[in-house]
Amino acid sequence: MDKSKKSEKILVVDDSADTLEIIQRNLKTKNYQVYTAKGVEEALNLLSKISIDLVITDIKMPKISGFDLIKHVRDNFNDIEIIVITGYPSINDAIKAVKDGAEEYLPKPFTDQELLTIVEKTLEKMHMRKLMKNELHKINEAPFGIVGNSHLMQQIFKAIEKSASTNATILIQGESGTGKELVARAIHYSSLRASAPFIPVNCGSIPENLLERELFGHVKGAFTGAIESRAGFFQTADGGTIFLDEISETSTSMQVKLLRVLQDKEICMIGSGKPQKVDVRILIATNKDLYKLVNTGLFREDLYYRINIINIHIPPLRDRENDILLLIRYFCSKFAKELKKKELKFSDNALQVLKNYSWPGNVRELENIIYSLMVMNENEIIDISNLPSLMKFSAVKGAKLNRTLCEVEEEHIRNILENVHNNKTKAATILGIDRKTLREKLKNYRSDSNN
């Protein structure tokens, strides 16, 4: 069995045997599973027997036209995508094909690359729709209440399971908004300490002169206003877990005190010279590179090696493949219930922008944007115009930086042609070149693709 074979099944319908042979050959070079039909009747027979993902069809064919095939597919197969190809292109035909349900319209003659590009684009939209529609069960079955199905998140889930069985100190690293506290809670509630307290402490939000008091507590009379003794977070977490977030924000003097707790498993309340034993699992998080801070003298080296026993690094959202679409569906469902509103629906273009956005604020930013869209928009379908302006003009994620200048130029020219519906005069004007130059460039691209 060919492990590289793609799962997508493509049906090509055209009354020209040469066209069928060329398209089939080109698609097979990318390992798609390709079926061919010389007319609509043969295509309908194949559709009744095989689960097809994409139909590529000509319009003008003997007996039954491609328009009839499009209508049949739309009436009976909601999940099949359609690309129309034709040697007799016209604006009216293009409009009718799209209205009838075609996803894309490609006039003949077209290059191999033009065909492959439009096929990949259409199938990507198909996968996005399926993710948004069919994978809610993956949300409901989310391990530890953390939504994610990517390979990187599967590794995080395994790390949580393994580390939950120990009492070792764990360092959780990741950018802001990636869900470090969620991972810490998952470790605690998967451990034997689950019935004991989980105490989160944001070290960066507590003033330095108060942090020691909050962590270790104080005895009566320890300072002005200390009218009674008060336990700190470590005593409150006894038997359970304390989660120290933003550990990099603590002073070096506080780092010395924390090192003593880790080494001796005891704390000393302010105003008391008597140490107290505590049975606490310590989880630590940071969004900074502690090793770099050690090298610059901003973080104690001995504390760094003491807390870096087990290290869990949470990936940024931009690296989590299709988790972005899964999270969009999750937050749409969550906020629809909270706000008693219908779930948001997104256009294909809007989903593409959301998927390609770099998400500097990670999952927290995505959550906030979906909430804002749910509250502020009354549109039935969210399109690009409804998204924050920063997203509309953001660079496409994953842009290839190993391409030649010629490859980048070709992609840009083809994108311009697509946006002006292959009007070469308009495209040349936008590109700042004349039609003759544009024709020469396109001719060169075709000859390169055939070599």
Protein backbone atom coordinates (compact mmCIF):
# COMPACT_ATOMS: atom_id res chain seq x y z
CA MET A 1 0.00 0.00 0.00
CA ASP A 2 1.29 3.45 -0.93
CA LYS A 3 1.48 5.34 2.37
CA SER A 4 2.05 8.62 0.57
CA LYS A 5 -1.29 8.37 -1.29
CA LYS A 6 -3.65 11.18 -0.32
CA SER A 7 -7.06 10.34 1.10
CA GLU A 8 -8.95 12.81 -1.12
CA LYS A 9 -10.88 11.29 -4.02
CA ILE A 10 -11.29 13.47 -7.13
CA LEU A 11 -13.72 12.84 -10.00
CA VAL A 12 -12.86 14.51 -13.34
CA VAL A 13 -15.68 14.84 -15.88
CA ASP A 14 -14.98 15.91 -19.48
CA ASP A 15 -15.97 14.65 -22.92
CA SER A 16 -12.37 15.13 -24.13
CA ALA A 17 -10.23 12.04 -23.58
CA ASP A 18 -7.07 14.16 -23.89
CA THR A 19 -8.22 16.56 -21.16
CA LEU A 20 -9.11 13.66 -18.86
CA GLU A 21 -5.70 12.05 -19.41
CA ILE A 22 -3.78 15.30 -18.76
CA ILE A 23 -5.69 16.22 -15.60
CA GLN A 24 -5.54 12.68 -14.25
CA ARG A 25 -1.79 12.50 -14.84
CA ASN A 26 -1.14 15.85 -13.17
CA LEU A 27 -3.27 15.08 -10.11
CA LYS A 28 -1.69 11.66 -9.70
CA THR A 29 1.76 13.29 -9.51
CA LYS A 30 0.48 14.74 -6.19
CA ASN A 31 -0.85 11.30 -5.17
CA TYR A 32 -4.55 12.19 -5.29
CA GLN A 33 -6.96 9.32 -5.95
CA VAL A 34 -8.42 10.21 -9.36
CA TYR A 35 -11.49 8.87 -11.17
CA THR A 36 -12.58 9.95 -14.65
CA ALA A 37 -15.89 10.09 -16.55
CA LYS A 38 -16.51 11.00 -20.20
CA GLY A 39 -19.96 12.39 -19.48
CA VAL A 40 -22.50 13.21 -16.80
CA GLU A 41 -24.24 9.82 -16.89
CA GLU A 42 -20.97 8.01 -16.22
CA ALA A 43 -20.17 10.56 -13.49
CA LEU A 44 -23.51 9.97 -11.76
CA ASN A 45 -22.87 6.23 -11.78
CA LEU A 46 -19.47 6.73 -10.10
CA LEU A 47 -20.94 9.16 -7.55
CA SER A 48 -23.46 6.50 -6.49
CA LYS A 49 -20.67 4.00 -5.77
CA ILE A 50 -17.70 6.05 -4.53
CA SER A 51 -17.38 8.66 -1.80
CA ILE A 52 -15.97 11.59 -3.78
CA ASP A 53 -14.47 14.74 -2.21
CA LEU A 54 -14.04 16.94 -5.30
CA VAL A 55 -15.68 17.03 -8.74
CA ILE A 56 -13.86 18.78 -11.59
CA THR A 57 -16.27 19.14 -14.48
CA ASP A 58 -16.51 20.70 -17.91
CA ILE A 59 -19.69 22.67 -18.72
CA LYS A 60 -20.43 21.98 -22.39
CA MET A 61 -20.80 18.24 -22.91
CA PRO A 62 -23.09 16.13 -25.14
CA LYS A 63 -26.59 15.18 -23.90
CA ILE A 64 -26.29 16.47 -20.32
CA SER A 65 -24.37 19.65 -19.42
CA GLY A 66 -22.03 20.29 -16.54
CA PHE A 67 -24.62 22.66 -15.02
CA ASP A 68 -26.97 19.67 -14.55
CA LEU A 69 -24.17 17.76 -12.85
CA ILE A 70 -23.48 20.69 -10.52
CA LYS A 71 -27.16 20.87 -9.55
CA HIS A 72 -27.33 17.11 -8.92
CA VAL A 73 -24.23 17.21 -6.71
CA ARG A 74 -25.51 20.19 -4.73
CA ASP A 75 -28.93 18.58 -4.25
CA ASN A 76 -27.55 15.23 -3.12
CA PHE A 77 -23.99 15.63 -1.81
CA ASN A 78 -23.51 18.63 0.48
CA ASP A 79 -19.88 17.89 1.29
CA ILE A 80 -18.56 17.48 -2.27
CA GLU A 81 -16.60 20.46 -3.64
CA ILE A 82 -16.90 21.47 -7.30
CA ILE A 83 -14.46 23.09 -9.75
CA VAL A 84 -15.72 24.08 -13.20
CA ILE A 85 -13.37 23.99 -16.21
CA THR A 86 -14.37 25.14 -19.68
CA GLY A 87 -12.91 25.99 -23.06
CA TYR A 88 -15.70 28.48 -23.70
CA PRO A 89 -15.32 30.91 -20.81
CA SER A 90 -17.88 33.65 -20.30
CA ILE A 91 -18.86 35.89 -17.41
CA ASN A 92 -22.44 34.57 -17.47
CA ASP A 93 -21.30 30.95 -17.31
CA ALA A 94 -18.93 31.74 -14.45
CA ILE A 95 -21.67 33.51 -12.49
CA LYS A 96 -24.14 30.67 -13.11
CA ALA A 97 -21.60 28.00 -12.10
CA VAL A 98 -20.82 29.76 -8.83
CA LYS A 99 -24.50 30.40 -8.10
CA ASP A 100 -25.31 26.75 -8.77
CA GLY A 101 -22.68 25.71 -6.25
CA ALA A 102 -19.26 25.52 -7.87
CA GLU A 103 -16.40 26.52 -5.60
CA GLU A 104 -14.01 27.64 -8.35
CA TYR A 105 -14.09 28.39 -12.09
CA LEU A 106 -11.04 27.69 -14.28
CA PRO A 107 -11.02 28.62 -18.00
CA LYS A 108 -9.03 26.54 -20.50
CA PRO A 109 -6.20 26.51 -21.35
CA PHE A 110 -4.67 26.37 -17.88
CA THR A 111 -1.22 25.38 -16.68
CA ASP A 112 -0.46 22.35 -14.54
CA GLN A 113 0.36 24.66 -11.66
CA GLU A 114 -2.89 26.61 -12.02
CA LEU A 115 -4.83 23.35 -11.80
CA LEU A 116 -2.91 22.04 -8.79
CA THR A 117 -3.16 25.38 -6.99
CA ILE A 118 -6.93 25.62 -7.41
CA VAL A 119 -7.38 21.96 -6.36
CA GLU A 120 -5.28 22.44 -3.21
CA LYS A 121 -7.13 25.66 -2.38
CA THR A 122 -10.54 24.02 -2.79
CA LEU A 123 -9.63 20.94 -0.76
CA GLU A 124 -8.23 23.11 2.02
CA LYS A 125 -11.57 24.90 2.24
CA MET A 126 -13.27 21.51 2.36
CA HIS A 127 -11.10 20.39 5.26
CA MET A 128 -11.81 23.64 7.15
CA ARG A 129 -15.55 23.18 6.76
CA LYS A 130 -15.37 19.57 7.94
CA LEU A 131 -13.33 20.55 10.98
CA MET A 132 -15.83 23.24 11.90
CA LYS A 133 -18.81 20.96 11.31
CA ASN A 134 -17.89 17.44 12.31
CA GLU A 135 -15.29 17.50 15.10
CA LEU A 136 -17.29 18.77 18.06
CA HIS A 137 -16.92 15.31 19.65
CA LYS A 138 -13.17 15.95 19.90
CA ILE A 139 -13.96 19.03 21.99
CA ASN A 140 -16.29 17.10 24.27
CA GLU A 141 -13.64 14.40 24.68
CA ALA A 142 -10.82 16.90 25.28
CA PRO A 143 -8.24 15.39 27.65
CA PHE A 144 -7.99 17.29 30.94
CA GLY A 145 -10.43 19.87 29.56
CA ILE A 146 -7.76 21.19 27.18
CA VAL A 147 -8.94 21.56 23.56
CA GLY A 148 -6.42 20.37 20.99
CA ASN A 149 -5.97 17.53 18.55
CA SER A 150 -2.62 18.40 16.97
CA HIS A 151 0.48 16.24 17.30
CA LEU A 152 2.12 18.86 19.52
CA MET A 153 -0.81 18.84 21.95
CA GLN A 154 -0.86 15.05 22.03
CA GLN A 155 2.71 15.26 23.33
CA ILE A 156 1.57 17.72 26.02
CA PHE A 157 -1.20 15.31 27.11
CA LYS A 158 1.34 12.49 27.43
CA ALA A 159 3.64 14.73 29.48
CA ILE A 160 0.75 15.60 31.81
CA GLU A 161 -0.06 11.93 32.36
CA LYS A 162 3.54 11.02 33.11
CA SER A 163 4.30 13.97 35.39
CA ALA A 164 1.05 13.60 37.35
CA SER A 165 2.32 10.34 38.87
CA THR A 166 5.33 12.04 40.48
CA ASN A 167 5.89 14.68 43.16
CA ALA A 168 8.73 16.31 41.28
CA THR A 169 8.81 20.06 40.71
CA ILE A 170 7.71 20.89 37.17
CA LEU A 171 8.64 23.90 35.06
CA ILE A 172 5.93 24.83 32.56
CA GLN A 173 7.09 27.19 29.82
CA GLY A 174 5.21 28.90 27.01
CA GLU A 175 4.16 32.25 25.61
CA SER A 176 1.47 34.30 27.31
CA GLY A 177 -1.99 32.94 26.64
CA THR A 178 -0.95 29.38 25.76
CA GLY A 179 -2.67 27.84 28.80
CA LYS A 180 0.09 27.21 31.33
CA GLU A 181 -2.32 27.29 34.27
CA LEU A 182 -4.65 24.84 32.49
CA VAL A 183 -1.75 22.41 32.19
CA ALA A 184 -0.84 22.92 35.85
CA ARG A 185 -4.44 22.22 36.91
CA ALA A 186 -4.50 19.14 34.70
CA ILE A 187 -1.36 17.79 36.42
CA HIS A 188 -2.82 18.43 39.87
CA TYR A 189 -6.26 16.94 39.22
CA SER A 190 -4.72 13.90 37.55
CA SER A 191 -2.49 13.23 40.56
CA LEU A 192 -3.04 11.60 43.96
CA ARG A 193 -3.30 15.14 45.37
CA ALA A 194 -6.48 15.88 43.38
CA SER A 195 -8.72 16.04 46.48
CA ALA A 196 -6.38 18.58 48.18
CA PRO A 197 -6.16 22.32 47.32
CA PHE A 198 -4.74 23.73 44.11
CA ILE A 199 -3.46 27.24 44.86
CA PRO A 200 -2.47 29.47 41.90
CA VAL A 201 -0.21 32.44 42.63
CA ASN A 202 0.67 35.09 40.06
CA CYS A 203 4.05 36.26 41.30
CA GLY A 204 4.10 39.16 38.84
CA SER A 205 0.85 40.69 40.11
CA ILE A 206 1.81 40.83 43.80
CA PRO A 207 4.09 43.71 44.91
CA GLU A 208 7.53 42.57 46.02
CA ASN A 209 7.06 43.81 49.61
CA LEU A 210 3.85 41.74 49.92
CA LEU A 211 4.85 38.55 48.08
CA GLU A 212 6.74 36.96 50.99
CA ARG A 213 3.83 37.67 53.35
CA GLU A 214 1.34 36.16 50.89
CA LEU A 215 3.44 33.06 50.29
CA PHE A 216 4.62 32.24 53.80
CA GLY A 217 2.13 34.02 56.09
CA HIS A 218 2.89 36.00 59.25
CA VAL A 219 2.46 35.75 62.99
CA LYS A 220 0.62 38.24 65.18
CA GLY A 221 2.70 41.39 65.81
CA ALA A 222 5.19 40.62 63.01
CA PHE A 223 4.68 44.17 61.65
CA THR A 224 2.41 47.17 62.18
CA GLY A 225 -1.16 46.11 61.50
CA ALA A 226 -0.54 42.39 62.05
CA ILE A 227 -3.27 42.03 64.66
CA GLU A 228 -3.52 38.27 64.17
CA SER A 229 -1.56 35.43 62.65
CA ARG A 230 -2.38 34.53 59.07
CA ALA A 231 -1.39 31.49 57.01
CA GLY A 232 0.22 31.97 53.62
CA PHE A 233 -0.38 30.22 50.32
CA PHE A 234 2.08 27.42 51.12
CA GLN A 235 0.21 26.48 54.31
CA THR A 236 -3.12 26.72 52.48
CA ALA A 237 -1.83 24.36 49.80
CA ASP A 238 -0.57 21.79 52.34
CA GLY A 239 -1.22 18.30 50.99
CA GLY A 240 -1.97 19.72 47.55
CA THR A 241 -0.31 21.82 44.86
CA ILE A 242 0.92 25.40 44.64
CA PHE A 243 1.29 26.93 41.20
CA LEU A 244 3.80 29.78 41.00
CA ASP A 245 3.15 31.65 37.76
CA GLU A 246 5.56 34.27 36.34
CA ILE A 247 8.43 33.05 38.52
CA SER A 248 10.81 35.22 36.49
CA GLU A 249 9.25 38.35 38.07
CA THR A 250 10.49 37.51 41.57
CA SER A 251 13.52 39.26 43.09
CA THR A 252 16.77 37.44 43.80
CA SER A 253 16.09 37.64 47.55
CA MET A 254 12.72 35.93 47.08
CA GLN A 255 14.39 33.34 44.85
CA VAL A 256 16.69 32.44 47.77
CA LYS A 257 13.64 31.86 50.01
CA LEU A 258 11.94 29.73 47.37
CA LEU A 259 15.10 27.68 46.94
CA ARG A 260 15.04 26.93 50.68
CA VAL A 261 11.44 25.72 50.44
CA LEU A 262 12.30 23.42 47.55
CA GLN A 263 15.34 21.99 49.29
CA ASP A 264 14.03 21.62 52.86
CA LYS A 265 10.25 21.36 52.29
CA GLU A 266 9.66 23.92 55.02
CA ILE A 267 8.71 27.58 55.30
CA CYS A 268 9.17 30.22 57.96
CA MET A 269 6.33 32.65 58.67
CA ILE A 270 7.26 36.35 58.90
CA GLY A 271 7.93 37.21 62.56
CA SER A 272 8.61 33.60 63.53
CA GLY A 273 12.00 31.93 63.81
CA LYS A 274 10.45 28.49 63.83
CA PRO A 275 10.32 26.65 60.47
CA GLN A 276 7.21 24.71 59.48
CA LYS A 277 7.19 21.54 57.39
CA VAL A 278 4.85 21.66 54.38
CA ASP A 279 3.78 18.84 52.08
CA VAL A 280 3.30 20.73 48.83
CA ARG A 281 3.75 19.85 45.18
CA ILE A 282 5.29 22.89 43.43
CA LEU A 283 4.50 23.72 39.81
CA ILE A 284 6.24 26.72 38.27
CA ALA A 285 5.49 28.64 35.07
CA THR A 286 7.12 31.36 33.01
CA ASN A 287 6.75 32.99 29.61
CA LYS A 288 10.42 33.92 29.54
CA ASP A 289 13.62 32.00 28.80
CA LEU A 290 14.96 31.38 32.31
CA TYR A 291 18.27 30.08 30.99
CA LYS A 292 18.93 33.42 29.30
CA LEU A 293 17.99 35.22 32.53
CA VAL A 294 20.49 33.03 34.38
CA ASN A 295 23.24 34.03 31.95
CA THR A 296 22.42 37.72 32.44
CA GLY A 297 22.34 37.40 36.23
CA LEU A 298 18.58 38.10 36.54
CA PHE A 299 17.69 34.61 37.79
CA ARG A 300 19.57 32.44 40.24
CA GLU A 301 21.37 29.52 38.60
CA ASP A 302 20.90 27.21 41.60
CA LEU A 303 17.15 27.83 41.64
CA TYR A 304 16.93 27.29 37.88
CA TYR A 305 18.49 23.81 38.11
CA ARG A 306 16.35 23.04 41.16
CA ILE A 307 13.05 23.75 39.40
CA ASN A 308 14.01 22.43 35.94
CA ILE A 309 13.54 18.76 36.82
CA ILE A 310 10.64 18.10 34.48
CA ASN A 311 10.12 20.67 31.73
CA ILE A 312 6.87 20.99 29.77
CA HIS A 313 6.92 23.49 26.90
CA ILE A 314 3.49 24.49 25.58
CA PRO A 315 3.55 25.32 21.85
CA PRO A 316 2.19 28.65 20.59
CA LEU A 317 -1.19 28.51 18.85
CA ARG A 318 0.33 29.37 15.45
CA ASP A 319 2.19 26.04 15.51
CA ARG A 320 -0.82 23.92 16.43
CA GLU A 321 -2.02 23.01 12.95
CA ASN A 322 -5.82 22.69 12.81
CA ASP A 323 -6.34 23.33 16.53
CA ILE A 324 -7.19 26.92 15.59
CA LEU A 325 -10.35 25.78 13.81
CA LEU A 326 -11.19 23.38 16.62
CA LEU A 327 -10.86 26.16 19.19
CA ILE A 328 -12.99 28.51 17.10
CA ARG A 329 -15.75 25.90 17.14
CA TYR A 330 -15.29 25.35 20.88
CA PHE A 331 -15.49 29.04 21.83
CA CYS A 332 -18.43 29.63 19.46
CA SER A 333 -20.34 26.82 21.18
CA LYS A 334 -19.32 27.96 24.66
CA PHE A 335 -20.28 31.63 24.23
CA ALA A 336 -23.48 30.83 22.34
CA LYS A 337 -24.68 28.95 25.43
CA GLU A 338 -23.50 31.65 27.84
CA LEU A 339 -25.02 34.53 25.86
CA LYS A 340 -28.08 32.55 24.69
CA LYS A 341 -27.32 33.36 21.04
CA LYS A 342 -26.90 31.33 17.86
CA GLU A 343 -23.46 29.98 17.11
CA LEU A 344 -21.39 32.10 14.75
CA LYS A 345 -20.84 30.92 11.20
CA PHE A 346 -17.77 31.95 9.22
CA SER A 347 -17.17 32.38 5.51
CA ASP A 348 -14.35 30.33 3.98
CA ASN A 349 -12.29 33.49 3.51
CA ALA A 350 -12.73 34.53 7.13
CA LEU A 351 -11.69 31.07 8.34
CA GLN A 352 -8.62 31.26 6.12
CA VAL A 353 -7.61 34.58 7.69
CA LEU A 354 -8.15 33.23 11.21
CA LYS A 355 -6.14 30.11 10.41
CA ASN A 356 -3.26 32.08 8.88
CA TYR A 357 -3.09 34.77 11.59
CA SER A 358 0.00 34.55 13.82
CA TRP A 359 -1.94 34.78 17.14
CA PRO A 360 0.63 36.61 19.29
CA GLY A 361 -1.80 36.40 22.23
CA ASN A 362 -2.37 32.69 21.59
CA VAL A 363 -5.51 30.91 22.86
CA ARG A 364 -6.47 33.79 25.14
CA GLU A 365 -6.49 36.19 22.17
CA LEU A 366 -8.61 33.79 20.11
CA GLU A 367 -11.08 33.41 22.98
CA ASN A 368 -11.42 37.18 23.37
CA ILE A 369 -11.94 37.72 19.62
CA ILE A 370 -14.68 35.07 19.37
CA TYR A 371 -16.42 36.58 22.40
CA SER A 372 -16.24 40.06 20.87
CA LEU A 373 -17.61 38.79 17.54
CA MET A 374 -20.43 37.00 19.35
CA VAL A 375 -21.43 40.14 21.27
CA MET A 376 -20.88 42.88 18.68
CA ASN A 377 -21.88 41.33 15.34
CA GLU A 378 -25.42 40.77 14.15
CA ASN A 379 -24.42 39.26 10.79
CA GLU A 380 -25.54 35.72 10.10
CA ILE A 381 -22.12 34.87 8.64
CA ILE A 382 -18.82 36.41 9.77
CA ASP A 383 -16.74 37.57 6.80
CA ILE A 384 -13.29 39.18 6.58
CA SER A 385 -14.83 42.65 6.94
CA ASN A 386 -16.10 41.71 10.42
CA LEU A 387 -12.67 40.69 11.71
CA PRO A 388 -10.29 43.04 13.56
CA SER A 389 -8.33 45.22 11.13
CA LEU A 390 -5.01 43.80 12.37
CA MET A 391 -6.02 40.38 11.08
CA LYS A 392 -7.11 41.56 7.65
CA PHE A 393 -3.63 42.79 6.79
CA SER A 394 -1.53 40.29 8.71
CA ALA A 395 1.09 38.28 6.84
CA VAL A 396 0.12 34.79 5.82
CA LYS A 397 1.39 32.26 8.34
CA GLY A 398 4.01 29.85 7.17
CA ALA A 399 5.17 31.86 4.18
CA LYS A 400 7.97 29.96 2.49
CA LEU A 401 11.26 31.76 2.77
CA ASN A 402 13.23 29.33 0.65
CA ARG A 403 11.66 30.28 -2.69
CA THR A 404 13.39 32.06 -5.54
CA LEU A 405 12.43 35.60 -6.53
CA CYS A 406 10.93 34.17 -9.74
CA GLU A 407 8.66 31.81 -7.74
CA VAL A 408 7.47 34.63 -5.50
CA GLU A 409 6.80 36.82 -8.54
CA GLU A 410 4.82 34.06 -10.27
CA GLU A 411 2.65 33.49 -7.20
CA HIS A 412 1.95 37.22 -6.88
CA ILE A 413 1.01 37.55 -10.56
CA ARG A 414 -1.31 34.54 -10.41
CA ASN A 415 -2.98 35.90 -7.26
CA ILE A 416 -3.60 39.23 -9.03
CA LEU A 417 -5.05 37.42 -12.07
CA GLU A 418 -7.35 35.39 -9.83
CA ASN A 419 -8.60 38.51 -8.05
CA VAL A 420 -9.43 40.28 -11.36
CA HIS A 421 -11.02 37.13 -12.83
CA ASN A 422 -8.17 36.62 -15.31
CA ASN A 423 -8.55 40.09 -16.84
CA LYS A 424 -4.99 40.57 -18.12
CA THR A 425 -5.43 44.29 -18.82
CA LYS A 426 -6.46 44.98 -15.23
CA ALA A 427 -3.74 42.67 -13.90
CA ALA A 428 -1.05 44.43 -15.96
CA THR A 429 -2.24 47.82 -14.68
CA ILE A 430 -2.08 46.68 -11.04
CA LEU A 431 1.36 45.13 -11.60
CA GLY A 432 2.66 48.27 -13.32
CA ILE A 433 3.65 46.45 -16.51
CA ASP A 434 2.17 46.26 -20.02
CA ARG A 435 0.10 43.36 -21.39
CA LYS A 436 2.95 42.16 -23.60
CA THR A 437 5.29 41.82 -20.59
CA LEU A 438 2.59 39.99 -18.65
CA ARG A 439 1.99 37.59 -21.54
CA GLU A 440 5.73 36.86 -21.80
CA LYS A 441 5.96 36.15 -18.07
CA LEU A 442 2.99 33.77 -18.19
CA LYS A 443 4.47 32.06 -21.23
CA ASN A 444 7.76 31.55 -19.38
CA TYR A 445 5.93 30.11 -16.35
CA ARG A 446 4.14 27.60 -18.58
CA SER A 447 7.36 26.50 -20.26
CA ASP A 448 9.08 26.13 -16.88
CA SER A 449 6.23 23.96 -15.54
CA ASN A 450 6.44 21.69 -18.58
CA ASN A 451 10.16 21.11 -18.24
